[in-house]
Amino acid sequence: MKNIKGFTLIEIVMALFVGLLLLGVVYISVVSGQRSSVAIERKTVAHQDARAILEIMATEIAMASFNPNFASNFWRDPGDCVNISANQAYKGIQAATANSITVEMDILESSAVGDNPNEVIGYVYDFANERLTRDVNCGGALPFLGDVP
């Protein structure tokens, strides 16, 4: 009986156990790597969106007070966007708080603010939803880099 070659049942069970253990470790590491990759991709997309938003905001804020014709008394009241503002010294930034800013500019060079949809722009940070909204000519929040206002 000592010359019979082969594996015993205990050896086969132990080999299966070690093989399954190694497969489990490989599976866990692959799943972990996949989750990490998805998280990194989401962060990258969020950073790219934030960069695009900040570039648009910087451009629009840099255009605040653009008045190529040097017209006077034409800055609008950001509360209603129809009436002339009582304080013309504020020029293109008629309202600014800790979580909002409204900028005005004369893009069409018509010596009037509000005759183009992008001449009165307001940004408001919504703390509850952690979202930045953008409205133009006091028309309410618009979608800003997505379909949700």
C-alpha atoms as a PDB file:
ATOM      1  CA  MET A   1       0.000   0.000   0.000  1.00  0.00           C
ATOM      2  CA  LYS A   2       2.944   2.320   0.493  1.00  0.00           C
ATOM      3  CA  ASN A   3       3.735   2.466  -3.236  1.00  0.00           C
ATOM      4  CA  ILE A   4       0.320   3.864  -4.255  1.00  0.00           C
ATOM      5  CA  LYS A   5       0.736   7.379  -5.626  1.00  0.00           C
ATOM      6  CA  GLY A   6      -1.972  10.076  -5.326  1.00  0.00           C
ATOM      7  CA  PHE A   7      -3.525  12.583  -2.962  1.00  0.00           C
ATOM      8  CA  THR A   8      -5.472  11.866   0.140  1.00  0.00           C
ATOM      9  CA  LEU A   9      -8.837  13.452   0.799  1.00  0.00           C
ATOM     10  CA  ILE A  10      -7.344  15.644   3.515  1.00  0.00           C
ATOM     11  CA  GLU A  11      -4.685  16.958   1.129  1.00  0.00           C
ATOM     12  CA  ILE A  12      -7.303  17.809  -1.524  1.00  0.00           C
ATOM     13  CA  VAL A  13      -9.533  19.592   1.028  1.00  0.00           C
ATOM     14  CA  MET A  14      -6.565  21.584   2.320  1.00  0.00           C
ATOM     15  CA  ALA A  15      -5.536  22.553  -1.231  1.00  0.00           C
ATOM     16  CA  LEU A  16      -9.104  23.685  -2.009  1.00  0.00           C
ATOM     17  CA  PHE A  17      -9.192  25.705   1.217  1.00  0.00           C
ATOM     18  CA  VAL A  18      -5.890  27.460   0.442  1.00  0.00           C
ATOM     19  CA  GLY A  19      -6.995  28.097  -3.168  1.00  0.00           C
ATOM     20  CA  LEU A  20     -10.320  29.578  -2.063  1.00  0.00           C
ATOM     21  CA  LEU A  21      -8.548  31.706   0.513  1.00  0.00           C
ATOM     22  CA  LEU A  22      -6.211  33.096  -2.168  1.00  0.00           C
ATOM     23  CA  LEU A  23      -9.133  33.728  -4.550  1.00  0.00           C
ATOM     24  CA  GLY A  24     -10.975  35.584  -1.772  1.00  0.00           C
ATOM     25  CA  VAL A  25      -7.961  37.828  -1.106  1.00  0.00           C
ATOM     26  CA  VAL A  26      -7.596  38.585  -4.830  1.00  0.00           C
ATOM     27  CA  TYR A  27     -11.341  39.346  -5.124  1.00  0.00           C
ATOM     28  CA  ILE A  28     -11.289  41.714  -2.141  1.00  0.00           C
ATOM     29  CA  SER A  29      -8.256  43.579  -3.482  1.00  0.00           C
ATOM     30  CA  VAL A  30      -9.812  43.954  -6.960  1.00  0.00           C
ATOM     31  CA  VAL A  31     -13.108  45.257  -5.535  1.00  0.00           C
ATOM     32  CA  SER A  32     -11.245  47.657  -3.246  1.00  0.00           C
ATOM     33  CA  GLY A  33      -9.172  48.975  -6.143  1.00  0.00           C
ATOM     34  CA  GLN A  34     -12.284  49.439  -8.261  1.00  0.00           C
ATOM     35  CA  ARG A  35     -14.050  51.424  -5.521  1.00  0.00           C
ATOM     36  CA  SER A  36     -10.979  53.577  -5.039  1.00  0.00           C
ATOM     37  CA  SER A  37     -10.793  54.227  -8.768  1.00  0.00           C
ATOM     38  CA  VAL A  38     -14.465  55.275  -8.905  1.00  0.00           C
ATOM     39  CA  ALA A  39     -13.998  57.604  -5.923  1.00  0.00           C
ATOM     40  CA  ILE A  40     -10.962  59.228  -7.532  1.00  0.00           C
ATOM     41  CA  GLU A  41     -12.851  59.658 -10.814  1.00  0.00           C
ATOM     42  CA  ARG A  42     -15.764  61.341  -9.003  1.00  0.00           C
ATOM     43  CA  LYS A  43     -13.406  63.713  -7.217  1.00  0.00           C
ATOM     44  CA  THR A  44     -11.694  64.545 -10.505  1.00  0.00           C
ATOM     45  CA  VAL A  45     -15.012  65.339 -12.194  1.00  0.00           C
ATOM     46  CA  ALA A  46     -16.090  67.482  -9.224  1.00  0.00           C
ATOM     47  CA  HIS A  47     -12.800  69.413  -9.346  1.00  0.00           C
ATOM     48  CA  GLN A  48     -13.124  69.948 -13.111  1.00  0.00           C
ATOM     49  CA  ASP A  49     -16.688  71.250 -12.658  1.00  0.00           C
ATOM     50  CA  ALA A  50     -15.588  73.543  -9.841  1.00  0.00           C
ATOM     51  CA  ARG A  51     -12.741  74.880 -11.974  1.00  0.00           C
ATOM     52  CA  ALA A  52     -15.123  75.590 -14.872  1.00  0.00           C
ATOM     53  CA  ILE A  53     -17.576  77.344 -12.545  1.00  0.00           C
ATOM     54  CA  LEU A  54     -14.844  79.489 -11.013  1.00  0.00           C
ATOM     55  CA  GLU A  55     -13.475  80.446 -14.428  1.00  0.00           C
ATOM     56  CA  ILE A  56     -16.928  81.529 -15.628  1.00  0.00           C
ATOM     57  CA  MET A  57     -17.530  83.450 -12.402  1.00  0.00           C
ATOM     58  CA  ALA A  58     -14.116  85.120 -12.584  1.00  0.00           C
ATOM     59  CA  THR A  59     -14.760  86.215 -16.163  1.00  0.00           C
ATOM     60  CA  GLU A  60     -18.181  87.618 -15.336  1.00  0.00           C
ATOM     61  CA  ILE A  61     -17.008  89.343 -12.162  1.00  0.00           C
ATOM     62  CA  ALA A  62     -14.080  90.834 -14.081  1.00  0.00           C
ATOM     63  CA  MET A  63     -16.626  92.291 -16.521  1.00  0.00           C
ATOM     64  CA  ALA A  64     -18.556  93.951 -13.676  1.00  0.00           C
ATOM     65  CA  SER A  65     -18.919  97.683 -14.212  1.00  0.00           C
ATOM     66  CA  PHE A  66     -18.147  97.375 -17.935  1.00  0.00           C
ATOM     67  CA  ASN A  67     -19.439 100.685 -19.230  1.00  0.00           C
ATOM     68  CA  PRO A  68     -17.761 101.451 -22.565  1.00  0.00           C
ATOM     69  CA  ASN A  69     -19.866 104.554 -23.267  1.00  0.00           C
ATOM     70  CA  PHE A  70     -19.308 106.016 -19.775  1.00  0.00           C
ATOM     71  CA  ALA A  71     -23.065 106.392 -19.381  1.00  0.00           C
ATOM     72  CA  SER A  72     -24.354 107.621 -16.048  1.00  0.00           C
ATOM     73  CA  ASN A  73     -27.319 106.608 -13.909  1.00  0.00           C
ATOM     74  CA  PHE A  74     -28.036 103.314 -15.564  1.00  0.00           C
ATOM     75  CA  TRP A  75     -27.032 100.725 -12.929  1.00  0.00           C
ATOM     76  CA  ARG A  76     -30.054  98.654 -11.894  1.00  0.00           C
ATOM     77  CA  ASP A  77     -31.397  97.808  -8.463  1.00  0.00           C
ATOM     78  CA  PRO A  78     -30.624  94.081  -8.036  1.00  0.00           C
ATOM     79  CA  GLY A  79     -33.838  93.580  -6.057  1.00  0.00           C
ATOM     80  CA  ASP A  80     -36.128  94.166  -9.034  1.00  0.00           C
ATOM     81  CA  CYS A  81     -33.744  94.675 -11.998  1.00  0.00           C
ATOM     82  CA  VAL A  82     -36.107  97.267 -13.479  1.00  0.00           C
ATOM     83  CA  ASN A  83     -35.590 100.447 -11.475  1.00  0.00           C
ATOM     84  CA  ILE A  84     -32.416 102.483 -11.521  1.00  0.00           C
ATOM     85  CA  SER A  85     -30.369 101.923  -8.365  1.00  0.00           C
ATOM     86  CA  ALA A  86     -30.346 104.711  -5.810  1.00  0.00           C
ATOM     87  CA  ASN A  87     -26.628 104.240  -5.257  1.00  0.00           C
ATOM     88  CA  GLN A  88     -24.806 104.634  -8.563  1.00  0.00           C
ATOM     89  CA  ALA A  89     -21.432 104.644  -6.771  1.00  0.00           C
ATOM     90  CA  TYR A  90     -21.593 100.854  -6.420  1.00  0.00           C
ATOM     91  CA  LYS A  91     -21.494 100.615 -10.218  1.00  0.00           C
ATOM     92  CA  GLY A  92     -21.451  97.020 -11.459  1.00  0.00           C
ATOM     93  CA  ILE A  93     -21.554  95.296  -8.077  1.00  0.00           C
ATOM     94  CA  GLN A  94     -24.830  96.462  -6.630  1.00  0.00           C
ATOM     95  CA  ALA A  95     -25.203  93.651  -4.089  1.00  0.00           C
ATOM     96  CA  ALA A  96     -22.705  91.446  -2.291  1.00  0.00           C
ATOM     97  CA  THR A  97     -23.209  89.379   0.853  1.00  0.00           C
ATOM     98  CA  ALA A  98     -21.459  86.444   2.467  1.00  0.00           C
ATOM     99  CA  ASN A  99     -23.252  83.969   0.190  1.00  0.00           C
ATOM    100  CA  SER A 100     -24.295  86.016  -2.867  1.00  0.00           C
ATOM    101  CA  ILE A 101     -23.077  88.566  -5.374  1.00  0.00           C
ATOM    102  CA  THR A 102     -24.799  90.406  -8.205  1.00  0.00           C
ATOM    103  CA  VAL A 103     -22.750  91.903 -11.016  1.00  0.00           C
ATOM    104  CA  GLU A 104     -23.895  94.219 -13.789  1.00  0.00           C
ATOM    105  CA  MET A 105     -22.311  95.181 -17.100  1.00  0.00           C
ATOM    106  CA  ASP A 106     -23.239  96.771 -20.419  1.00  0.00           C
ATOM    107  CA  ILE A 107     -22.341  93.970 -22.835  1.00  0.00           C
ATOM    108  CA  LEU A 108     -24.256  95.368 -25.815  1.00  0.00           C
ATOM    109  CA  GLU A 109     -22.660  98.799 -25.319  1.00  0.00           C
ATOM    110  CA  SER A 110     -26.148 100.310 -25.485  1.00  0.00           C
ATOM    111  CA  SER A 111     -25.802 102.540 -22.395  1.00  0.00           C
ATOM    112  CA  ALA A 112     -28.484 100.418 -20.702  1.00  0.00           C
ATOM    113  CA  VAL A 113     -28.191  97.492 -18.309  1.00  0.00           C
ATOM    114  CA  GLY A 114     -30.665  94.646 -18.616  1.00  0.00           C
ATOM    115  CA  ASP A 115     -31.323  94.681 -22.350  1.00  0.00           C
ATOM    116  CA  ASN A 116     -29.170  91.561 -22.766  1.00  0.00           C
ATOM    117  CA  PRO A 117     -29.892  88.384 -20.778  1.00  0.00           C
ATOM    118  CA  ASN A 118     -26.360  88.280 -19.363  1.00  0.00           C
ATOM    119  CA  GLU A 119     -26.008  91.881 -18.209  1.00  0.00           C
ATOM    120  CA  VAL A 120     -27.299  91.352 -14.652  1.00  0.00           C
ATOM    121  CA  ILE A 121     -25.915  88.156 -13.167  1.00  0.00           C
ATOM    122  CA  GLY A 122     -26.477  86.926  -9.634  1.00  0.00           C
ATOM    123  CA  TYR A 123     -24.718  84.080  -7.874  1.00  0.00           C
ATOM    124  CA  VAL A 124     -26.139  82.610  -4.672  1.00  0.00           C
ATOM    125  CA  TYR A 125     -24.664  79.785  -2.622  1.00  0.00           C
ATOM    126  CA  ASP A 126     -27.407  77.503  -1.272  1.00  0.00           C
ATOM    127  CA  PHE A 127     -26.121  76.197   2.070  1.00  0.00           C
ATOM    128  CA  ALA A 128     -28.883  73.602   2.496  1.00  0.00           C
ATOM    129  CA  ASN A 129     -28.194  71.867  -0.822  1.00  0.00           C
ATOM    130  CA  GLU A 130     -24.509  72.812  -1.053  1.00  0.00           C
ATOM    131  CA  ARG A 131     -25.105  74.223  -4.508  1.00  0.00           C
ATOM    132  CA  LEU A 132     -24.252  77.399  -6.384  1.00  0.00           C
ATOM    133  CA  THR A 133     -27.100  78.939  -8.366  1.00  0.00           C
ATOM    134  CA  ARG A 134     -26.846  81.543 -11.110  1.00  0.00           C
ATOM    135  CA  ASP A 135     -29.610  83.816 -12.290  1.00  0.00           C
ATOM    136  CA  VAL A 136     -29.613  86.344 -15.101  1.00  0.00           C
ATOM    137  CA  ASN A 137     -31.619  89.570 -15.243  1.00  0.00           C
ATOM    138  CA  CYS A 138     -33.452  88.543 -12.040  1.00  0.00           C
ATOM    139  CA  GLY A 139     -35.168  85.722 -13.886  1.00  0.00           C
ATOM    140  CA  GLY A 140     -34.653  83.103 -11.196  1.00  0.00           C
ATOM    141  CA  ALA A 141     -32.106  80.351 -10.819  1.00  0.00           C
ATOM    142  CA  LEU A 142     -30.896  78.724 -14.012  1.00  0.00           C
ATOM    143  CA  PRO A 143     -29.116  75.420 -14.591  1.00  0.00           C
ATOM    144  CA  PHE A 144     -25.424  75.978 -14.051  1.00  0.00           C
ATOM    145  CA  LEU A 145     -23.206  73.128 -15.282  1.00  0.00           C
ATOM    146  CA  GLY A 146     -26.000  70.577 -15.086  1.00  0.00           C
ATOM    147  CA  ASP A 147     -29.740  70.247 -15.408  1.00  0.00           C
ATOM    148  CA  VAL A 148     -30.516  71.276 -11.809  1.00  0.00           C
ATOM    149  CA  PRO A 149     -30.690  75.029 -11.087  1.00  0.00           C
END
